Amino acid sequence: TDTCTGSCNSANGQCTFIRNECNDNNACTTDTCTGSGNCAFTPITCEDNNPCTDNKCHSTSGCYFPPKSCDDGNACTIDACTPGSGVCTNTPCSCDDNNACTRDFCDPAIGCKHDDNVCDDNNSCNIDIC
């Protein structure tokens, strides 16, 4: 008899075939019935061969590949993953707004800032404009 699909009644010699349902309801496993009649739940490999994604598996929906996070927590960098190698880069950003009347700088917590330059010559007879 095949322990996965049936059994034989020794009294009358009749075979009964009932499929042993090996299903753990987990999309991240391959479900099989072993020769001994036991279920085996083998984890699947989720691999998209893209070093800029994380290979993950959700028990309901299966494999998924969210973008790899290269966030360094610094708003003054442009964070990216290098295709092919998967190496994260954190390139300093330029905050230059091409306005000579502002002081451009970057605050790591919030990013680029453009403060107005003070154009006061301390002469009240002049209208100070930048």
C-alpha atoms as a PDB file:
ATOM      1  CA  THR A   1       0.000   0.000   0.000  1.00  0.00           C
ATOM      2  CA  ASP A   2       0.956   3.589  -0.585  1.00  0.00           C
ATOM      3  CA  THR A   3       0.851   5.240   2.829  1.00  0.00           C
ATOM      4  CA  CYS A   4       0.214   8.589   1.214  1.00  0.00           C
ATOM      5  CA  THR A   5      -2.826   7.586  -0.795  1.00  0.00           C
ATOM      6  CA  GLY A   6      -4.421   4.495   0.587  1.00  0.00           C
ATOM      7  CA  SER A   7      -4.668   1.474   2.796  1.00  0.00           C
ATOM      8  CA  CYS A   8      -5.787  -2.094   2.441  1.00  0.00           C
ATOM      9  CA  ASN A   9      -8.425  -3.702   4.671  1.00  0.00           C
ATOM     10  CA  SER A  10      -6.760  -6.970   5.671  1.00  0.00           C
ATOM     11  CA  ALA A  11     -10.110  -8.616   6.490  1.00  0.00           C
ATOM     12  CA  ASN A  12     -11.641  -8.261   3.043  1.00  0.00           C
ATOM     13  CA  GLY A  13      -8.663  -7.288   0.872  1.00  0.00           C
ATOM     14  CA  GLN A  14     -10.363  -4.102  -0.276  1.00  0.00           C
ATOM     15  CA  CYS A  15      -8.161  -1.068  -0.873  1.00  0.00           C
ATOM     16  CA  THR A  16      -9.240   2.349   0.274  1.00  0.00           C
ATOM     17  CA  PHE A  17      -7.588   5.351  -1.275  1.00  0.00           C
ATOM     18  CA  ILE A  18      -7.840   8.577   0.603  1.00  0.00           C
ATOM     19  CA  ARG A  19      -5.330  11.271  -0.208  1.00  0.00           C
ATOM     20  CA  ASN A  20      -3.385  12.372   2.827  1.00  0.00           C
ATOM     21  CA  GLU A  21      -3.691  16.140   2.585  1.00  0.00           C
ATOM     22  CA  CYS A  22      -0.339  17.632   3.386  1.00  0.00           C
ATOM     23  CA  ASN A  23      -1.122  21.315   3.484  1.00  0.00           C
ATOM     24  CA  ASP A  24       0.139  23.610   6.202  1.00  0.00           C
ATOM     25  CA  ASN A  25      -1.541  26.597   4.490  1.00  0.00           C
ATOM     26  CA  ASN A  26       1.824  28.323   4.326  1.00  0.00           C
ATOM     27  CA  ALA A  27       2.758  29.752   0.917  1.00  0.00           C
ATOM     28  CA  CYS A  28       6.404  29.658   1.981  1.00  0.00           C
ATOM     29  CA  THR A  29       6.642  25.863   2.046  1.00  0.00           C
ATOM     30  CA  THR A  30       6.416  23.030  -0.451  1.00  0.00           C
ATOM     31  CA  ASP A  31       4.073  20.435   1.008  1.00  0.00           C
ATOM     32  CA  THR A  32       4.675  16.768   0.268  1.00  0.00           C
ATOM     33  CA  CYS A  33       3.748  13.380   1.606  1.00  0.00           C
ATOM     34  CA  THR A  34       6.741  11.197   2.409  1.00  0.00           C
ATOM     35  CA  GLY A  35       6.923   7.481   1.691  1.00  0.00           C
ATOM     36  CA  SER A  36       6.240   6.788   5.358  1.00  0.00           C
ATOM     37  CA  GLY A  37       2.922   8.638   5.212  1.00  0.00           C
ATOM     38  CA  ASN A  38       4.123  11.716   7.023  1.00  0.00           C
ATOM     39  CA  CYS A  39       3.845  15.247   5.746  1.00  0.00           C
ATOM     40  CA  ALA A  40       6.944  17.278   4.994  1.00  0.00           C
ATOM     41  CA  PHE A  41       6.863  21.057   4.766  1.00  0.00           C
ATOM     42  CA  THR A  42      10.030  22.256   3.080  1.00  0.00           C
ATOM     43  CA  PRO A  43      10.762  26.001   3.076  1.00  0.00           C
ATOM     44  CA  ILE A  44      10.880  27.492  -0.408  1.00  0.00           C
ATOM     45  CA  THR A  45      13.692  29.755  -1.571  1.00  0.00           C
ATOM     46  CA  CYS A  46      12.623  33.229  -2.598  1.00  0.00           C
ATOM     47  CA  GLU A  47      15.329  34.658  -4.831  1.00  0.00           C
ATOM     48  CA  ASP A  48      14.937  37.241  -7.583  1.00  0.00           C
ATOM     49  CA  ASN A  49      18.710  37.593  -8.187  1.00  0.00           C
ATOM     50  CA  ASN A  50      18.471  41.326  -7.632  1.00  0.00           C
ATOM     51  CA  PRO A  51      20.933  42.509  -4.971  1.00  0.00           C
ATOM     52  CA  CYS A  52      18.897  45.703  -4.504  1.00  0.00           C
ATOM     53  CA  THR A  53      15.870  43.863  -3.153  1.00  0.00           C
ATOM     54  CA  ASP A  54      15.317  41.817  -0.025  1.00  0.00           C
ATOM     55  CA  ASN A  55      14.137  38.258  -0.624  1.00  0.00           C
ATOM     56  CA  LYS A  56      11.165  37.664   1.664  1.00  0.00           C
ATOM     57  CA  CYS A  57       8.256  35.304   1.986  1.00  0.00           C
ATOM     58  CA  HIS A  58       4.820  35.964   3.451  1.00  0.00           C
ATOM     59  CA  SER A  59       2.968  32.900   4.716  1.00  0.00           C
ATOM     60  CA  THR A  60      -0.223  33.913   2.900  1.00  0.00           C
ATOM     61  CA  SER A  61       0.963  35.470  -0.366  1.00  0.00           C
ATOM     62  CA  GLY A  62       4.372  33.855  -0.888  1.00  0.00           C
ATOM     63  CA  CYS A  63       7.547  35.459  -2.201  1.00  0.00           C
ATOM     64  CA  TYR A  64       7.940  39.202  -2.441  1.00  0.00           C
ATOM     65  CA  PHE A  65      10.918  41.440  -3.018  1.00  0.00           C
ATOM     66  CA  PRO A  66      10.800  44.861  -1.345  1.00  0.00           C
ATOM     67  CA  PRO A  67      13.547  47.355  -2.208  1.00  0.00           C
ATOM     68  CA  LYS A  68      16.679  47.067  -0.081  1.00  0.00           C
ATOM     69  CA  SER A  69      16.850  49.966   2.355  1.00  0.00           C
ATOM     70  CA  CYS A  70      19.972  52.071   2.016  1.00  0.00           C
ATOM     71  CA  ASP A  71      18.642  54.846   4.262  1.00  0.00           C
ATOM     72  CA  ASP A  72      21.457  56.138   6.459  1.00  0.00           C
ATOM     73  CA  GLY A  73      19.089  58.364   8.451  1.00  0.00           C
ATOM     74  CA  ASN A  74      20.775  61.493   7.114  1.00  0.00           C
ATOM     75  CA  ALA A  75      18.505  63.841   5.132  1.00  0.00           C
ATOM     76  CA  CYS A  76      21.618  65.375   3.571  1.00  0.00           C
ATOM     77  CA  THR A  77      22.443  62.318   1.490  1.00  0.00           C
ATOM     78  CA  ILE A  78      20.897  60.707  -1.557  1.00  0.00           C
ATOM     79  CA  ASP A  79      20.562  57.037  -0.649  1.00  0.00           C
ATOM     80  CA  ALA A  80      20.697  54.441  -3.409  1.00  0.00           C
ATOM     81  CA  CYS A  81      21.469  50.804  -4.090  1.00  0.00           C
ATOM     82  CA  THR A  82      24.007  50.066  -6.817  1.00  0.00           C
ATOM     83  CA  PRO A  83      22.506  47.654  -9.362  1.00  0.00           C
ATOM     84  CA  GLY A  84      24.636  44.578  -9.876  1.00  0.00           C
ATOM     85  CA  SER A  85      26.543  44.777  -6.601  1.00  0.00           C
ATOM     86  CA  GLY A  86      23.842  45.717  -4.106  1.00  0.00           C
ATOM     87  CA  VAL A  87      26.229  48.149  -2.407  1.00  0.00           C
ATOM     88  CA  CYS A  88      24.504  51.090  -0.739  1.00  0.00           C
ATOM     89  CA  THR A  89      25.708  54.583  -1.537  1.00  0.00           C
ATOM     90  CA  ASN A  90      24.919  57.701   0.456  1.00  0.00           C
ATOM     91  CA  THR A  91      25.973  60.642  -1.700  1.00  0.00           C
ATOM     92  CA  PRO A  92      25.924  64.130  -0.161  1.00  0.00           C
ATOM     93  CA  CYS A  93      23.219  66.250  -1.760  1.00  0.00           C
ATOM     94  CA  SER A  94      23.696  69.767  -3.064  1.00  0.00           C
ATOM     95  CA  CYS A  95      21.583  72.396  -1.372  1.00  0.00           C
ATOM     96  CA  ASP A  96      22.564  75.224  -3.721  1.00  0.00           C
ATOM     97  CA  ASP A  97      19.392  76.997  -4.825  1.00  0.00           C
ATOM     98  CA  ASN A  98      21.386  79.338  -7.128  1.00  0.00           C
ATOM     99  CA  ASN A  99      20.127  82.318  -5.182  1.00  0.00           C
ATOM    100  CA  ALA A 100      22.917  84.610  -3.968  1.00  0.00           C
ATOM    101  CA  CYS A 101      20.543  86.082  -1.382  1.00  0.00           C
ATOM    102  CA  THR A 102      20.268  82.877   0.627  1.00  0.00           C
ATOM    103  CA  ARG A 103      22.681  80.929   2.761  1.00  0.00           C
ATOM    104  CA  ASP A 104      22.339  77.297   1.686  1.00  0.00           C
ATOM    105  CA  PHE A 105      23.095  74.478   4.089  1.00  0.00           C
ATOM    106  CA  CYS A 106      21.908  71.058   5.044  1.00  0.00           C
ATOM    107  CA  ASP A 107      20.481  69.925   8.363  1.00  0.00           C
ATOM    108  CA  PRO A 108      20.891  66.126   8.692  1.00  0.00           C
ATOM    109  CA  ALA A 109      17.519  65.889  10.434  1.00  0.00           C
ATOM    110  CA  ILE A 110      15.405  67.756   7.856  1.00  0.00           C
ATOM    111  CA  GLY A 111      17.517  68.314   4.738  1.00  0.00           C
ATOM    112  CA  CYS A 112      18.302  71.447   2.751  1.00  0.00           C
ATOM    113  CA  LYS A 113      17.652  74.888   4.172  1.00  0.00           C
ATOM    114  CA  HIS A 114      17.899  78.279   2.513  1.00  0.00           C
ATOM    115  CA  ASP A 115      18.086  81.114   5.042  1.00  0.00           C
ATOM    116  CA  ASP A 116      17.883  84.683   3.814  1.00  0.00           C
ATOM    117  CA  ASN A 117      21.180  86.541   3.892  1.00  0.00           C
ATOM    118  CA  VAL A 118      21.210  89.626   6.065  1.00  0.00           C
ATOM    119  CA  CYS A 119      21.966  92.641   3.853  1.00  0.00           C
ATOM    120  CA  ASP A 120      22.159  95.382   6.481  1.00  0.00           C
ATOM    121  CA  ASP A 121      24.967  97.895   6.038  1.00  0.00           C
ATOM    122  CA  ASN A 122      23.881  99.673   9.248  1.00  0.00           C
ATOM    123  CA  ASN A 123      23.225 102.861   7.306  1.00  0.00           C
ATOM    124  CA  SER A 124      19.639 103.985   7.732  1.00  0.00           C
ATOM    125  CA  CYS A 125      19.910 106.135   4.619  1.00  0.00           C
ATOM    126  CA  ASN A 126      20.159 103.011   2.470  1.00  0.00           C
ATOM    127  CA  ILE A 127      17.443 100.531   1.595  1.00  0.00           C
ATOM    128  CA  ASP A 128      19.173  97.208   1.991  1.00  0.00           C
ATOM    129  CA  ILE A 129      18.160  94.598  -0.549  1.00  0.00           C
ATOM    130  CA  CYS A 130      19.789  91.449  -1.682  1.00  0.00           C
END
